[in-house]
Amino acid sequence: MQKTRTPHVVVVMGVAGTGKTTIGPLLAARLGVPYAEADDFHPPANIHKMTAGTPLTDDDRRPWLDAIGEWAHGRAGLGGVVSCSALKRSYRDRLRAAAPDVVFVHLTGDRALIEDRMAHRQGHFMPTALLDSQFATLQPLEADETGVAVNVSGTPEEITARAVAALGDLDSPDGPEATSKAPSQ
């Protein structure tokens, strides 16, 4: 499989269970850039809260988002992929404040599919009980945000291929998506 290079830092976003931690590394490999797992940027207090089933507050998320933004800023012009739920516009704005050229890949899908995937994964601290709060918090990409929506049905390889294609369309000066920053699924 041929690698595609990108100078972008790509933020793979979406609610818990959409596959950010699976698709992120696959996308990074396809793009030939490093991958960072956003969960690794959480302070221990955040992980403790989420493990206990307590949703994080915006105050809890600020240092986490700042650490991710710092990583993305350091990769500017070099490219990289980082997974980050980035559920609210204000969170994405905070990331863009640190790294203005980030591009978002919003992993989207049917709630039943996502819940089923969450129920079958092992070793993750996010319980399915928090899925409702994730969907309630989610603010999809807006037209003025640079990014693409990618449906999570299918295999990880199929999802990654759709993400690569959507990012290619976004970068294409001739492509129909070139003027549409946040295309629908």
N, C-alpha and C. Protein backbone atom coordinates (compact mmCIF):
# COMPACT_ATOMS: atom_id res chain seq x y z
N MET A 1 0.85 -1.17 0.00
CA MET A 1 0.00 0.00 0.00
C MET A 1 0.89 1.24 0.00
N GLN A 2 0.65 2.15 -0.92
CA GLN A 2 1.47 3.35 -1.06
C GLN A 2 1.14 4.35 0.04
N LYS A 3 2.19 4.95 0.57
CA LYS A 3 1.99 5.99 1.58
C LYS A 3 1.73 7.32 0.89
N THR A 4 0.91 8.13 1.50
CA THR A 4 0.62 9.46 1.03
C THR A 4 1.19 10.42 2.07
N ARG A 5 1.86 11.46 1.63
CA ARG A 5 2.44 12.41 2.58
C ARG A 5 1.54 13.64 2.69
N THR A 6 1.49 14.21 3.88
CA THR A 6 0.74 15.43 4.11
C THR A 6 1.52 16.32 5.06
N PRO A 7 1.54 17.63 4.81
CA PRO A 7 2.17 18.53 5.78
C PRO A 7 1.22 18.89 6.92
N HIS A 8 -0.02 18.44 6.83
CA HIS A 8 -1.02 18.77 7.84
C HIS A 8 -0.81 18.00 9.12
N VAL A 9 -1.26 18.59 10.21
CA VAL A 9 -1.48 17.84 11.43
C VAL A 9 -2.97 17.54 11.42
N VAL A 10 -3.29 16.27 11.44
CA VAL A 10 -4.67 15.81 11.36
C VAL A 10 -5.13 15.41 12.75
N VAL A 11 -6.27 15.96 13.17
CA VAL A 11 -6.89 15.58 14.43
C VAL A 11 -8.05 14.65 14.10
N VAL A 12 -7.93 13.39 14.53
CA VAL A 12 -9.00 12.42 14.33
C VAL A 12 -9.94 12.57 15.52
N MET A 13 -11.15 13.06 15.25
CA MET A 13 -12.09 13.42 16.31
C MET A 13 -13.36 12.59 16.25
N GLY A 14 -14.13 12.64 17.33
CA GLY A 14 -15.42 11.97 17.39
C GLY A 14 -15.69 11.49 18.80
N VAL A 15 -16.90 11.00 18.99
CA VAL A 15 -17.28 10.50 20.31
C VAL A 15 -16.50 9.23 20.62
N ALA A 16 -16.50 8.84 21.88
CA ALA A 16 -15.85 7.60 22.30
C ALA A 16 -16.46 6.44 21.51
N GLY A 17 -15.61 5.51 21.12
CA GLY A 17 -16.07 4.32 20.43
C GLY A 17 -16.12 4.42 18.92
N THR A 18 -15.80 5.58 18.35
CA THR A 18 -15.82 5.69 16.89
C THR A 18 -14.57 5.10 16.25
N GLY A 19 -13.54 4.84 17.05
CA GLY A 19 -12.34 4.21 16.51
C GLY A 19 -11.17 5.14 16.34
N LYS A 20 -11.15 6.23 17.07
CA LYS A 20 -10.05 7.19 16.94
C LYS A 20 -8.69 6.54 17.17
N THR A 21 -8.61 5.67 18.18
CA THR A 21 -7.35 5.03 18.54
C THR A 21 -6.97 3.94 17.54
N THR A 22 -7.92 3.42 16.81
CA THR A 22 -7.64 2.44 15.76
C THR A 22 -7.32 3.13 14.45
N ILE A 23 -8.13 4.09 14.07
CA ILE A 23 -7.96 4.76 12.78
C ILE A 23 -6.76 5.71 12.80
N GLY A 24 -6.53 6.39 13.91
CA GLY A 24 -5.42 7.34 14.00
C GLY A 24 -4.08 6.75 13.56
N PRO A 25 -3.62 5.64 14.17
CA PRO A 25 -2.35 5.06 13.75
C PRO A 25 -2.35 4.57 12.30
N LEU A 26 -3.49 4.00 11.85
CA LEU A 26 -3.57 3.56 10.46
C LEU A 26 -3.45 4.74 9.50
N LEU A 27 -4.13 5.83 9.84
CA LEU A 27 -4.07 7.03 9.01
C LEU A 27 -2.65 7.60 9.01
N ALA A 28 -2.03 7.65 10.17
CA ALA A 28 -0.65 8.16 10.26
C ALA A 28 0.29 7.32 9.39
N ALA A 29 0.12 6.00 9.44
CA ALA A 29 0.96 5.12 8.62
C ALA A 29 0.75 5.39 7.13
N ARG A 30 -0.52 5.55 6.73
CA ARG A 30 -0.82 5.84 5.32
C ARG A 30 -0.25 7.18 4.88
N LEU A 31 -0.24 8.15 5.80
CA LEU A 31 0.26 9.49 5.48
C LEU A 31 1.76 9.60 5.68
N GLY A 32 2.37 8.62 6.34
CA GLY A 32 3.81 8.64 6.57
C GLY A 32 4.24 9.66 7.60
N VAL A 33 3.41 9.85 8.63
CA VAL A 33 3.70 10.84 9.68
C VAL A 33 3.53 10.19 11.05
N PRO A 34 4.06 10.80 12.12
CA PRO A 34 3.91 10.24 13.46
C PRO A 34 2.47 10.34 13.98
N TYR A 35 2.17 9.44 14.91
CA TYR A 35 0.87 9.41 15.56
C TYR A 35 1.03 9.69 17.05
N ALA A 36 0.09 10.45 17.60
CA ALA A 36 0.03 10.68 19.05
C ALA A 36 -1.37 10.35 19.53
N GLU A 37 -1.45 9.64 20.64
CA GLU A 37 -2.71 9.25 21.25
C GLU A 37 -3.11 10.31 22.28
N ALA A 38 -4.24 10.96 22.06
CA ALA A 38 -4.66 12.05 22.94
C ALA A 38 -4.84 11.61 24.38
N ASP A 39 -5.26 10.36 24.59
CA ASP A 39 -5.44 9.89 25.96
C ASP A 39 -4.14 10.00 26.77
N ASP A 40 -3.00 9.91 26.08
CA ASP A 40 -1.70 10.02 26.75
C ASP A 40 -1.43 11.44 27.26
N PHE A 41 -2.19 12.41 26.79
CA PHE A 41 -2.01 13.81 27.21
C PHE A 41 -2.87 14.16 28.43
N HIS A 42 -3.78 13.25 28.82
CA HIS A 42 -4.65 13.52 29.97
C HIS A 42 -3.84 13.48 31.27
N PRO A 43 -4.08 14.44 32.16
CA PRO A 43 -3.49 14.32 33.49
C PRO A 43 -4.17 13.17 34.24
N PRO A 44 -3.49 12.58 35.23
CA PRO A 44 -4.07 11.45 35.98
C PRO A 44 -5.45 11.75 36.57
N ALA A 45 -5.70 12.96 37.01
CA ALA A 45 -7.00 13.29 37.60
C ALA A 45 -8.12 13.11 36.58
N ASN A 46 -7.88 13.43 35.32
CA ASN A 46 -8.90 13.24 34.28
C ASN A 46 -9.20 11.76 34.07
N ILE A 47 -8.15 10.96 34.02
CA ILE A 47 -8.35 9.52 33.81
C ILE A 47 -9.12 8.92 34.99
N HIS A 48 -8.80 9.36 36.18
CA HIS A 48 -9.52 8.88 37.37
C HIS A 48 -11.01 9.22 37.27
N LYS A 49 -11.33 10.46 36.87
CA LYS A 49 -12.73 10.87 36.75
C LYS A 49 -13.46 10.03 35.71
N MET A 50 -12.84 9.85 34.53
CA MET A 50 -13.49 9.10 33.47
C MET A 50 -13.66 7.64 33.85
N THR A 51 -12.66 7.06 34.51
CA THR A 51 -12.75 5.67 34.97
C THR A 51 -13.91 5.49 35.94
N ALA A 52 -14.15 6.52 36.74
CA ALA A 52 -15.25 6.48 37.71
C ALA A 52 -16.60 6.78 37.07
N GLY A 53 -16.60 7.07 35.75
CA GLY A 53 -17.85 7.36 35.05
C GLY A 53 -18.30 8.80 35.16
N THR A 54 -17.38 9.68 35.56
CA THR A 54 -17.69 11.09 35.71
C THR A 54 -17.23 11.86 34.47
N PRO A 55 -18.15 12.53 33.76
CA PRO A 55 -17.74 13.30 32.59
C PRO A 55 -16.78 14.44 32.99
N LEU A 56 -15.85 14.73 32.11
CA LEU A 56 -14.93 15.84 32.35
C LEU A 56 -15.63 17.17 32.13
N THR A 57 -15.19 18.17 32.86
CA THR A 57 -15.68 19.54 32.65
C THR A 57 -14.76 20.24 31.66
N ASP A 58 -15.20 21.39 31.20
CA ASP A 58 -14.34 22.18 30.31
C ASP A 58 -13.04 22.56 31.02
N ASP A 59 -13.12 22.87 32.32
CA ASP A 59 -11.90 23.18 33.09
C ASP A 59 -10.95 21.99 33.11
N ASP A 60 -11.49 20.77 33.22
CA ASP A 60 -10.65 19.57 33.20
C ASP A 60 -9.95 19.42 31.85
N ARG A 61 -10.63 19.79 30.79
CA ARG A 61 -10.11 19.56 29.44
C ARG A 61 -9.07 20.59 29.00
N ARG A 62 -9.06 21.78 29.58
CA ARG A 62 -8.16 22.83 29.09
C ARG A 62 -6.69 22.41 29.06
N PRO A 63 -6.11 21.91 30.16
CA PRO A 63 -4.69 21.52 30.09
C PRO A 63 -4.44 20.38 29.11
N TRP A 64 -5.42 19.49 28.97
CA TRP A 64 -5.32 18.39 28.02
C TRP A 64 -5.29 18.93 26.59
N LEU A 65 -6.23 19.81 26.26
CA LEU A 65 -6.26 20.41 24.93
C LEU A 65 -5.01 21.23 24.65
N ASP A 66 -4.52 21.94 25.66
CA ASP A 66 -3.30 22.74 25.48
C ASP A 66 -2.10 21.85 25.18
N ALA A 67 -2.02 20.70 25.85
CA ALA A 67 -0.90 19.77 25.60
C ALA A 67 -0.99 19.20 24.18
N ILE A 68 -2.19 18.87 23.74
CA ILE A 68 -2.36 18.37 22.37
C ILE A 68 -2.02 19.47 21.37
N GLY A 69 -2.50 20.68 21.64
CA GLY A 69 -2.21 21.82 20.76
C GLY A 69 -0.71 22.09 20.67
N GLU A 70 -0.01 21.95 21.78
CA GLU A 70 1.45 22.14 21.78
C GLU A 70 2.12 21.09 20.90
N TRP A 71 1.67 19.83 21.01
CA TRP A 71 2.22 18.78 20.15
C TRP A 71 1.96 19.10 18.68
N ALA A 72 0.71 19.48 18.37
CA ALA A 72 0.35 19.80 16.99
C ALA A 72 1.16 20.99 16.47
N HIS A 73 1.35 21.99 17.30
CA HIS A 73 2.16 23.15 16.91
C HIS A 73 3.59 22.72 16.56
N GLY A 74 4.14 21.83 17.35
CA GLY A 74 5.49 21.33 17.10
C GLY A 74 5.62 20.52 15.82
N ARG A 75 4.50 20.00 15.32
CA ARG A 75 4.49 19.21 14.08
C ARG A 75 4.08 20.05 12.86
N ALA A 76 3.80 21.33 13.05
CA ALA A 76 3.36 22.21 11.94
C ALA A 76 4.36 22.14 10.80
N GLY A 77 3.84 21.93 9.60
CA GLY A 77 4.67 21.84 8.41
C GLY A 77 5.33 20.49 8.21
N LEU A 78 5.31 19.66 9.25
CA LEU A 78 5.92 18.33 9.18
C LEU A 78 4.86 17.24 9.05
N GLY A 79 3.68 17.53 9.58
CA GLY A 79 2.59 16.57 9.55
C GLY A 79 2.57 15.69 10.78
N GLY A 80 1.42 15.16 11.06
CA GLY A 80 1.21 14.27 12.18
C GLY A 80 -0.26 13.96 12.30
N VAL A 81 -0.57 12.96 13.08
CA VAL A 81 -1.96 12.59 13.34
C VAL A 81 -2.08 12.43 14.85
N VAL A 82 -3.12 13.03 15.41
CA VAL A 82 -3.41 12.88 16.83
C VAL A 82 -4.90 12.60 16.98
N SER A 83 -5.22 11.66 17.84
CA SER A 83 -6.63 11.41 18.14
C SER A 83 -7.03 12.33 19.28
N CYS A 84 -8.22 12.88 19.17
CA CYS A 84 -8.74 13.79 20.21
C CYS A 84 -10.22 13.92 19.98
N SER A 85 -11.02 13.69 21.00
CA SER A 85 -12.47 13.74 20.81
C SER A 85 -12.91 15.07 20.21
N ALA A 86 -12.35 16.20 20.65
CA ALA A 86 -12.64 17.53 20.09
C ALA A 86 -14.13 17.72 19.83
N LEU A 87 -14.95 17.36 20.82
CA LEU A 87 -16.39 17.33 20.62
C LEU A 87 -17.03 18.69 20.44
N LYS A 88 -16.50 19.70 21.11
CA LYS A 88 -17.09 21.04 21.02
C LYS A 88 -16.28 21.95 20.11
N ARG A 89 -16.98 22.88 19.50
CA ARG A 89 -16.31 23.87 18.66
C ARG A 89 -15.25 24.61 19.49
N SER A 90 -15.56 24.95 20.74
CA SER A 90 -14.60 25.67 21.57
C SER A 90 -13.32 24.86 21.79
N TYR A 91 -13.42 23.54 21.85
CA TYR A 91 -12.23 22.69 22.00
C TYR A 91 -11.39 22.76 20.72
N ARG A 92 -12.06 22.68 19.58
CA ARG A 92 -11.34 22.75 18.30
C ARG A 92 -10.73 24.13 18.11
N ASP A 93 -11.44 25.17 18.55
CA ASP A 93 -10.88 26.52 18.48
C ASP A 93 -9.62 26.62 19.34
N ARG A 94 -9.63 25.98 20.50
CA ARG A 94 -8.45 26.00 21.38
C ARG A 94 -7.28 25.29 20.71
N LEU A 95 -7.55 24.17 20.05
CA LEU A 95 -6.49 23.47 19.32
C LEU A 95 -5.96 24.33 18.18
N ARG A 96 -6.87 24.99 17.44
CA ARG A 96 -6.46 25.86 16.33
C ARG A 96 -5.69 27.08 16.81
N ALA A 97 -5.98 27.54 18.03
CA ALA A 97 -5.25 28.69 18.57
C ALA A 97 -3.77 28.33 18.72
N ALA A 98 -3.49 27.08 19.09
CA ALA A 98 -2.10 26.63 19.24
C ALA A 98 -1.50 26.20 17.91
N ALA A 99 -2.31 25.61 17.04
CA ALA A 99 -1.84 25.07 15.76
C ALA A 99 -2.87 25.42 14.69
N PRO A 100 -2.77 26.62 14.12
CA PRO A 100 -3.82 27.13 13.22
C PRO A 100 -4.12 26.28 11.98
N ASP A 101 -3.17 25.46 11.55
CA ASP A 101 -3.37 24.71 10.31
C ASP A 101 -3.85 23.28 10.52
N VAL A 102 -4.30 22.93 11.73
CA VAL A 102 -4.79 21.56 11.93
C VAL A 102 -6.00 21.31 11.05
N VAL A 103 -6.15 20.05 10.66
CA VAL A 103 -7.26 19.59 9.84
C VAL A 103 -7.96 18.49 10.64
N PHE A 104 -9.27 18.50 10.65
CA PHE A 104 -10.04 17.53 11.43
C PHE A 104 -10.62 16.43 10.55
N VAL A 105 -10.53 15.19 11.02
CA VAL A 105 -11.24 14.07 10.44
C VAL A 105 -12.23 13.64 11.49
N HIS A 106 -13.50 13.95 11.25
CA HIS A 106 -14.57 13.64 12.21
C HIS A 106 -15.12 12.25 11.89
N LEU A 107 -14.84 11.30 12.77
CA LEU A 107 -15.38 9.95 12.62
C LEU A 107 -16.82 9.95 13.12
N THR A 108 -17.73 9.57 12.26
CA THR A 108 -19.15 9.61 12.57
C THR A 108 -19.77 8.23 12.40
N GLY A 109 -20.88 8.00 13.09
CA GLY A 109 -21.55 6.73 12.91
C GLY A 109 -22.82 6.63 13.71
N ASP A 110 -23.54 5.59 13.45
CA ASP A 110 -24.79 5.27 14.13
C ASP A 110 -24.50 4.96 15.59
N ARG A 111 -25.33 5.50 16.49
CA ARG A 111 -25.12 5.32 17.92
C ARG A 111 -25.08 3.86 18.32
N ALA A 112 -25.96 3.04 17.74
CA ALA A 112 -26.01 1.61 18.10
C ALA A 112 -24.70 0.91 17.73
N LEU A 113 -24.14 1.22 16.58
CA LEU A 113 -22.86 0.64 16.17
C LEU A 113 -21.75 1.05 17.12
N ILE A 114 -21.72 2.32 17.46
CA ILE A 114 -20.67 2.83 18.36
C ILE A 114 -20.79 2.21 19.75
N GLU A 115 -22.01 2.11 20.26
CA GLU A 115 -22.21 1.50 21.58
C GLU A 115 -21.77 0.04 21.57
N ASP A 116 -22.09 -0.68 20.49
CA ASP A 116 -21.68 -2.08 20.38
C ASP A 116 -20.16 -2.20 20.38
N ARG A 117 -19.49 -1.34 19.65
CA ARG A 117 -18.03 -1.37 19.62
C ARG A 117 -17.45 -1.07 20.99
N MET A 118 -18.01 -0.09 21.69
CA MET A 118 -17.53 0.24 23.03
C MET A 118 -17.70 -0.94 23.99
N ALA A 119 -18.82 -1.63 23.87
CA ALA A 119 -19.12 -2.74 24.78
C ALA A 119 -18.14 -3.90 24.59
N HIS A 120 -17.55 -4.01 23.40
CA HIS A 120 -16.66 -5.13 23.11
C HIS A 120 -15.17 -4.80 23.22
N ARG A 121 -14.82 -3.56 23.49
CA ARG A 121 -13.39 -3.26 23.59
C ARG A 121 -12.92 -3.51 25.02
N GLN A 122 -11.64 -3.82 25.12
CA GLN A 122 -11.07 -4.16 26.42
C GLN A 122 -9.95 -3.20 26.76
N GLY A 123 -9.78 -2.98 28.06
CA GLY A 123 -8.64 -2.20 28.53
C GLY A 123 -8.76 -0.71 28.32
N HIS A 124 -9.96 -0.19 28.14
CA HIS A 124 -10.14 1.26 27.96
C HIS A 124 -10.91 1.81 29.14
N PHE A 125 -10.54 3.03 29.57
CA PHE A 125 -11.14 3.58 30.79
C PHE A 125 -12.50 4.24 30.57
N MET A 126 -12.94 4.44 29.33
CA MET A 126 -14.20 5.13 29.06
C MET A 126 -15.35 4.12 29.04
N PRO A 127 -16.23 4.16 30.04
CA PRO A 127 -17.36 3.22 30.06
C PRO A 127 -18.46 3.66 29.09
N THR A 128 -19.27 2.69 28.64
CA THR A 128 -20.36 3.00 27.72
C THR A 128 -21.38 3.94 28.35
N ALA A 129 -21.41 4.01 29.67
CA ALA A 129 -22.35 4.90 30.37
C ALA A 129 -22.13 6.37 29.99
N LEU A 130 -20.92 6.71 29.55
CA LEU A 130 -20.64 8.11 29.19
C LEU A 130 -20.97 8.42 27.74
N LEU A 131 -21.43 7.44 26.97
CA LEU A 131 -21.72 7.68 25.56
C LEU A 131 -22.82 8.73 25.37
N ASP A 132 -23.85 8.69 26.20
CA ASP A 132 -24.92 9.70 26.07
C ASP A 132 -24.37 11.11 26.26
N SER A 133 -23.49 11.29 27.25
CA SER A 133 -22.93 12.64 27.46
C SER A 133 -22.04 13.04 26.30
N GLN A 134 -21.38 12.06 25.68
CA GLN A 134 -20.54 12.36 24.51
C GLN A 134 -21.41 12.88 23.36
N PHE A 135 -22.49 12.17 23.06
CA PHE A 135 -23.37 12.62 21.98
C PHE A 135 -24.04 13.94 22.30
N ALA A 136 -24.39 14.15 23.56
CA ALA A 136 -25.02 15.41 23.96
C ALA A 136 -24.05 16.59 23.80
N THR A 137 -22.79 16.34 24.01
CA THR A 137 -21.76 17.38 23.92
C THR A 137 -21.34 17.65 22.48
N LEU A 138 -21.41 16.65 21.62
CA LEU A 138 -20.89 16.73 20.25
C LEU A 138 -21.48 17.91 19.47
N GLN A 139 -20.58 18.72 18.94
CA GLN A 139 -20.93 19.77 17.98
C GLN A 139 -20.16 19.45 16.70
N PRO A 140 -20.85 18.93 15.67
CA PRO A 140 -20.16 18.54 14.44
C PRO A 140 -19.39 19.72 13.82
N LEU A 141 -18.44 19.39 12.96
CA LEU A 141 -17.68 20.42 12.26
C LEU A 141 -18.62 21.39 11.56
N GLU A 142 -18.25 22.64 11.60
CA GLU A 142 -19.02 23.67 10.91
C GLU A 142 -18.35 24.00 9.58
N ALA A 143 -19.07 24.66 8.70
CA ALA A 143 -18.59 24.93 7.34
C ALA A 143 -17.28 25.71 7.32
N ASP A 144 -17.02 26.52 8.34
CA ASP A 144 -15.78 27.31 8.34
C ASP A 144 -14.61 26.59 9.00
N GLU A 145 -14.79 25.32 9.37
CA GLU A 145 -13.72 24.54 9.99
C GLU A 145 -13.12 23.60 8.94
N THR A 146 -11.81 23.59 8.85
CA THR A 146 -11.14 22.73 7.88
C THR A 146 -11.18 21.30 8.36
N GLY A 147 -11.91 20.47 7.63
CA GLY A 147 -12.01 19.08 8.01
C GLY A 147 -13.01 18.33 7.17
N VAL A 148 -13.09 17.04 7.44
CA VAL A 148 -13.97 16.15 6.71
C VAL A 148 -14.66 15.21 7.69
N ALA A 149 -15.85 14.76 7.32
CA ALA A 149 -16.57 13.76 8.10
C ALA A 149 -16.41 12.42 7.40
N VAL A 150 -16.11 11.38 8.17
CA VAL A 150 -15.90 10.05 7.62
C VAL A 150 -16.74 9.06 8.43
N ASN A 151 -17.59 8.31 7.75
CA ASN A 151 -18.44 7.33 8.41
C ASN A 151 -17.61 6.13 8.87
N VAL A 152 -17.94 5.60 10.06
CA VAL A 152 -17.15 4.52 10.65
C VAL A 152 -17.71 3.12 10.38
N SER A 153 -18.62 3.00 9.45
CA SER A 153 -19.07 1.65 9.11
C SER A 153 -17.97 0.98 8.28
N GLY A 154 -17.87 -0.33 8.43
CA GLY A 154 -16.86 -1.08 7.68
C GLY A 154 -15.64 -1.38 8.52
N THR A 155 -14.62 -1.90 7.84
CA THR A 155 -13.39 -2.30 8.52
C THR A 155 -12.51 -1.07 8.77
N PRO A 156 -11.56 -1.19 9.70
CA PRO A 156 -10.63 -0.08 9.91
C PRO A 156 -9.91 0.34 8.63
N GLU A 157 -9.56 -0.63 7.80
CA GLU A 157 -8.87 -0.31 6.54
C GLU A 157 -9.77 0.49 5.60
N GLU A 158 -11.06 0.11 5.55
CA GLU A 158 -12.02 0.84 4.69
C GLU A 158 -12.22 2.27 5.21
N ILE A 159 -12.33 2.41 6.51
CA ILE A 159 -12.51 3.74 7.12
C ILE A 159 -11.29 4.60 6.85
N THR A 160 -10.10 4.02 7.01
CA THR A 160 -8.86 4.76 6.77
C THR A 160 -8.77 5.18 5.30
N ALA A 161 -9.12 4.30 4.40
CA ALA A 161 -9.09 4.64 2.97
C ALA A 161 -10.04 5.79 2.67
N ARG A 162 -11.23 5.79 3.29
CA ARG A 162 -12.17 6.90 3.09
C ARG A 162 -11.58 8.20 3.64
N ALA A 163 -10.90 8.12 4.79
CA ALA A 163 -10.30 9.32 5.37
C ALA A 163 -9.20 9.87 4.47
N VAL A 164 -8.35 8.99 3.95
CA VAL A 164 -7.27 9.43 3.06
C VAL A 164 -7.85 10.09 1.82
N ALA A 165 -8.87 9.48 1.24
CA ALA A 165 -9.51 10.04 0.05
C ALA A 165 -10.14 11.39 0.35
N ALA A 166 -10.83 11.50 1.48
CA ALA A 166 -11.48 12.76 1.85
C ALA A 166 -10.43 13.85 2.08
N LEU A 167 -9.33 13.51 2.74
CA LEU A 167 -8.26 14.49 2.93
C LEU A 167 -7.65 14.90 1.59
N GLY A 168 -7.51 13.95 0.69
CA GLY A 168 -6.99 14.26 -0.65
C GLY A 168 -7.92 15.21 -1.39
N ASP A 169 -9.22 14.98 -1.28
CA ASP A 169 -10.20 15.88 -1.90
C ASP A 169 -10.11 17.27 -1.29
N LEU A 170 -9.90 17.32 0.02
CA LEU A 170 -9.81 18.60 0.72
C LEU A 170 -8.60 19.40 0.22
N ASP A 171 -7.49 18.69 -0.05
CA ASP A 171 -6.26 19.33 -0.51
C ASP A 171 -6.27 19.68 -1.99
N SER A 172 -7.13 19.02 -2.75
CA SER A 172 -7.14 19.19 -4.20
C SER A 172 -7.69 20.56 -4.59
N PRO A 173 -6.90 21.36 -5.34
CA PRO A 173 -7.40 22.66 -5.77
C PRO A 173 -8.53 22.53 -6.79
N ASP A 174 -8.62 21.38 -7.46
CA ASP A 174 -9.65 21.17 -8.47
C ASP A 174 -10.83 20.36 -7.96
N GLY A 175 -10.66 19.74 -6.79
CA GLY A 175 -11.68 18.84 -6.27
C GLY A 175 -12.91 19.58 -5.80
N PRO A 176 -14.05 18.91 -5.86
CA PRO A 176 -15.30 19.54 -5.44
C PRO A 176 -15.31 19.89 -3.96
N GLU A 177 -14.50 19.20 -3.16
CA GLU A 177 -14.48 19.46 -1.74
C GLU A 177 -13.56 20.62 -1.37
N ALA A 178 -12.81 21.13 -2.34
CA ALA A 178 -11.81 22.16 -2.03
C ALA A 178 -12.44 23.40 -1.40
N THR A 179 -13.67 23.70 -1.76
CA THR A 179 -14.31 24.87 -1.19
C THR A 179 -15.23 24.53 0.00
N SER A 180 -15.48 23.26 0.17
CA SER A 180 -16.34 22.83 1.27
C SER A 180 -15.48 22.28 2.38
N LYS A 181 -15.31 23.06 3.42
CA LYS A 181 -14.39 22.69 4.49
C LYS A 181 -14.85 21.51 5.30
N ALA A 182 -16.14 21.38 5.52
CA ALA A 182 -16.64 20.28 6.34
C ALA A 182 -17.76 19.56 5.60
N PRO A 183 -17.38 18.69 4.63
CA PRO A 183 -18.42 18.02 3.87
C PRO A 183 -19.20 17.05 4.73
N SER A 184 -20.41 16.79 4.31
CA SER A 184 -21.22 15.83 5.05
C SER A 184 -20.74 14.42 4.73
N GLN A 185 -21.30 13.46 5.47
CA GLN A 185 -20.90 12.07 5.30
C GLN A 185 -21.20 11.66 3.91
